[in-house]
C-alpha atoms as a PDB file:
ATOM      1  CA  MET A   1      -6.262 -10.552   0.237  1.00  0.00           C
ATOM      2  CA  LYS A   2      -3.074 -11.763   1.849  1.00  0.00           C
ATOM      3  CA  ILE A   3      -1.222  -8.968   3.652  1.00  0.00           C
ATOM      4  CA  ASN A   4       2.353  -9.471   4.830  1.00  0.00           C
ATOM      5  CA  ILE A   5       3.494  -6.814   7.322  1.00  0.00           C
ATOM      6  CA  PHE A   6       7.166  -6.163   8.140  1.00  0.00           C
ATOM      7  CA  ALA A   7       8.479  -3.753  10.726  1.00  0.00           C
ATOM      8  CA  LYS A   8      12.011  -2.198  10.679  1.00  0.00           C
ATOM      9  CA  ASN A   9      13.552  -0.594  13.714  1.00  0.00           C
ATOM     10  CA  ILE A  10      10.154  -0.391  15.469  1.00  0.00           C
ATOM     11  CA  LYS A  11       7.985  -2.948  17.404  1.00  0.00           C
ATOM     12  CA  LEU A  12       4.925  -4.134  15.475  1.00  0.00           C
ATOM     13  CA  THR A  13       2.097  -3.883  18.015  1.00  0.00           C
ATOM     14  CA  GLU A  14      -1.258  -5.549  17.520  1.00  0.00           C
ATOM     15  CA  ALA A  15      -3.026  -2.165  17.180  1.00  0.00           C
ATOM     16  CA  LEU A  16      -0.578  -1.094  14.459  1.00  0.00           C
ATOM     17  CA  GLU A  17      -0.963  -4.435  12.665  1.00  0.00           C
ATOM     18  CA  GLU A  18      -4.744  -4.056  12.715  1.00  0.00           C
ATOM     19  CA  PHE A  19      -4.485  -0.471  11.420  1.00  0.00           C
ATOM     20  CA  VAL A  20      -2.423  -1.634   8.459  1.00  0.00           C
ATOM     21  CA  GLU A  21      -4.708  -4.536   7.669  1.00  0.00           C
ATOM     22  CA  MET A  22      -7.770  -2.158   7.862  1.00  0.00           C
ATOM     23  CA  LYS A  23      -6.243   0.509   5.575  1.00  0.00           C
ATOM     24  CA  ILE A  24      -4.627  -1.773   2.977  1.00  0.00           C
ATOM     25  CA  GLY A  25      -7.608  -4.290   3.166  1.00  0.00           C
ATOM     26  CA  THR A  26      -9.884  -1.527   1.782  1.00  0.00           C
ATOM     27  CA  LEU A  27      -8.080  -1.875  -1.544  1.00  0.00           C
ATOM     28  CA  GLN A  28      -9.781  -5.196  -2.048  1.00  0.00           C
ATOM     29  CA  LYS A  29     -13.042  -3.534  -3.155  1.00  0.00           C
ATOM     30  CA  TYR A  30     -11.299  -1.977  -6.146  1.00  0.00           C
ATOM     31  CA  LEU A  31     -10.113  -5.299  -7.440  1.00  0.00           C
ATOM     32  CA  ARG A  32     -12.178  -8.350  -8.614  1.00  0.00           C
ATOM     33  CA  ASP A  33      -9.371 -10.839  -8.069  1.00  0.00           C
ATOM     34  CA  LYS A  34      -9.369 -12.478  -4.676  1.00  0.00           C
ATOM     35  CA  ASN A  35      -5.816 -13.850  -5.109  1.00  0.00           C
ATOM     36  CA  ILE A  36      -3.985 -10.690  -4.220  1.00  0.00           C
ATOM     37  CA  GLU A  37      -0.723 -10.422  -2.287  1.00  0.00           C
ATOM     38  CA  ALA A  38       0.193  -7.189  -0.439  1.00  0.00           C
ATOM     39  CA  ARG A  39       3.569  -6.564   1.244  1.00  0.00           C
ATOM     40  CA  VAL A  40       3.685  -3.650   3.628  1.00  0.00           C
ATOM     41  CA  GLU A  41       6.943  -2.481   5.305  1.00  0.00           C
ATOM     42  CA  ILE A  42       6.751   0.151   7.997  1.00  0.00           C
ATOM     43  CA  GLY A  43       9.413   1.589  10.358  1.00  0.00           C
ATOM     44  CA  LYS A  44      12.211   4.026  10.818  1.00  0.00           C
ATOM     45  CA  PRO A  45      15.069   4.405   8.308  1.00  0.00           C
ATOM     46  CA  SER A  46      17.561   4.309  11.180  1.00  0.00           C
ATOM     47  CA  LYS A  47      17.618   4.253  14.958  1.00  0.00           C
ATOM     48  CA  HIS A  48      19.395   7.614  15.246  1.00  0.00           C
ATOM     49  CA  HIS A  49      17.067   9.646  13.095  1.00  0.00           C
ATOM     50  CA  HIS A  50      15.002  11.916  15.420  1.00  0.00           C
ATOM     51  CA  SER A  51      13.751  14.931  13.443  1.00  0.00           C
ATOM     52  CA  GLY A  52      11.898  15.480  10.215  1.00  0.00           C
ATOM     53  CA  PRO A  53      10.034  12.618   8.508  1.00  0.00           C
ATOM     54  CA  VAL A  54      11.116   9.921  10.948  1.00  0.00           C
ATOM     55  CA  PHE A  55       8.742   7.114   9.810  1.00  0.00           C
ATOM     56  CA  TYR A  56       8.261   5.500   6.432  1.00  0.00           C
ATOM     57  CA  ALA A  57       5.750   3.132   4.927  1.00  0.00           C
ATOM     58  CA  GLU A  58       6.111   1.126   1.757  1.00  0.00           C
ATOM     59  CA  GLY A  59       3.439  -0.921   0.091  1.00  0.00           C
ATOM     60  CA  ASN A  60       3.765  -3.466  -2.825  1.00  0.00           C
ATOM     61  CA  LEU A  61       0.614  -4.972  -4.305  1.00  0.00           C
ATOM     62  CA  LYS A  62       0.700  -7.874  -6.768  1.00  0.00           C
ATOM     63  CA  VAL A  63      -2.373  -8.260  -8.938  1.00  0.00           C
ATOM     64  CA  LYS A  64      -2.209 -10.787 -11.858  1.00  0.00           C
ATOM     65  CA  GLY A  65       1.481 -10.199 -12.486  1.00  0.00           C
ATOM     66  CA  LYS A  66       1.126  -6.412 -12.219  1.00  0.00           C
ATOM     67  CA  LEU A  67       3.010  -4.691  -9.412  1.00  0.00           C
ATOM     68  CA  PHE A  68       1.756  -1.494  -7.725  1.00  0.00           C
ATOM     69  CA  ARG A  69       4.255   0.231  -5.407  1.00  0.00           C
ATOM     70  CA  ALA A  70       4.017   3.261  -3.177  1.00  0.00           C
ATOM     71  CA  THR A  71       6.286   4.779  -0.541  1.00  0.00           C
ATOM     72  CA  CYS A  72       5.882   7.658   1.932  1.00  0.00           C
ATOM     73  CA  ASN A  73       8.009   9.322   4.594  1.00  0.00           C
ATOM     74  CA  HIS A  74       6.166  11.190   7.398  1.00  0.00           C
ATOM     75  CA  GLU A  75       6.472  12.326  11.000  1.00  0.00           C
ATOM     76  CA  ASP A  76       3.370  10.226  11.871  1.00  0.00           C
ATOM     77  CA  LEU A  77       3.479   6.558  10.947  1.00  0.00           C
ATOM     78  CA  ARG A  78      -0.311   6.210  10.607  1.00  0.00           C
ATOM     79  CA  LEU A  79      -0.414   9.152   8.188  1.00  0.00           C
ATOM     80  CA  ALA A  80       2.335   7.542   6.169  1.00  0.00           C
ATOM     81  CA  ILE A  81       0.389   4.305   5.965  1.00  0.00           C
ATOM     82  CA  THR A  82      -2.791   6.157   4.941  1.00  0.00           C
ATOM     83  CA  GLN A  83      -0.887   8.058   2.177  1.00  0.00           C
ATOM     84  CA  VAL A  84       0.554   4.759   0.875  1.00  0.00           C
ATOM     85  CA  LYS A  85      -2.960   3.377   0.726  1.00  0.00           C
ATOM     86  CA  ASP A  86      -4.223   6.440  -1.139  1.00  0.00           C
ATOM     87  CA  GLU A  87      -1.349   6.227  -3.669  1.00  0.00           C
ATOM     88  CA  LEU A  88      -1.947   2.536  -4.309  1.00  0.00           C
ATOM     89  CA  GLN A  89      -5.677   3.242  -4.708  1.00  0.00           C
ATOM     90  CA  MET A  90      -4.901   5.940  -7.253  1.00  0.00           C
ATOM     91  CA  GLN A  91      -2.626   3.595  -9.199  1.00  0.00           C
ATOM     92  CA  ILE A  92      -5.249   0.845  -9.245  1.00  0.00           C
ATOM     93  CA  GLN A  93      -7.936   3.238 -10.564  1.00  0.00           C
ATOM     94  CA  LYS A  94      -5.606   4.578 -13.214  1.00  0.00           C
ATOM     95  CA  PHE A  95      -4.730   1.032 -14.357  1.00  0.00           C
ATOM     96  CA  LYS A  96      -8.485   0.022 -14.370  1.00  0.00           C
ATOM     97  CA  ASP A  97      -9.361   3.107 -16.494  1.00  0.00           C
ATOM     98  CA  LYS A  98      -6.587   2.242 -18.897  1.00  0.00           C
ATOM     99  CA  VAL A  99      -7.785  -1.324 -19.255  1.00  0.00           C
ATOM    100  CA  ASN A 100     -11.469  -0.312 -19.703  1.00  0.00           C
ATOM    101  CA  THR A 101     -10.496   2.372 -22.331  1.00  0.00           C
ATOM    102  CA  SER A 102      -8.457  -0.224 -24.336  1.00  0.00           C
ATOM    103  CA  ARG A 103     -11.358  -2.678 -24.205  1.00  0.00           C
ATOM    104  CA  ARG A 104     -13.814  -0.013 -25.548  1.00  0.00           C
ATOM    105  CA  SER A 105     -11.491   0.923 -28.374  1.00  0.00           C
ATOM    106  CA  LYS A 106     -11.086  -2.737 -29.484  1.00  0.00           C
ATOM    107  CA  THR A 107     -14.890  -3.246 -29.743  1.00  0.00           C
ATOM    108  CA  LYS A 108     -15.365  -0.370 -32.234  1.00  0.00           C
END
């Protein structure tokens, strides 16, 4: 899996980059295809935003022409990244269930 990480209005540290790669990389086990491209953008919406959900994370996952997308705003950047991973995982599982159901109905 190829993961492209972009940071907006924050500094992308090595620890943060490893965290994103670890969380988003776990999605590989739900997909058979090895040619997957993930684009993750993390950061702050603006430099003067100081209260409320300050950080955001956005994940786009391309699998065989299908695009899965999730976004999250949160006060903690790591929790926002985790919630994006969970949403992408849910979308992948829903898509796989749909594909498997359609295959079963065609064989009958």
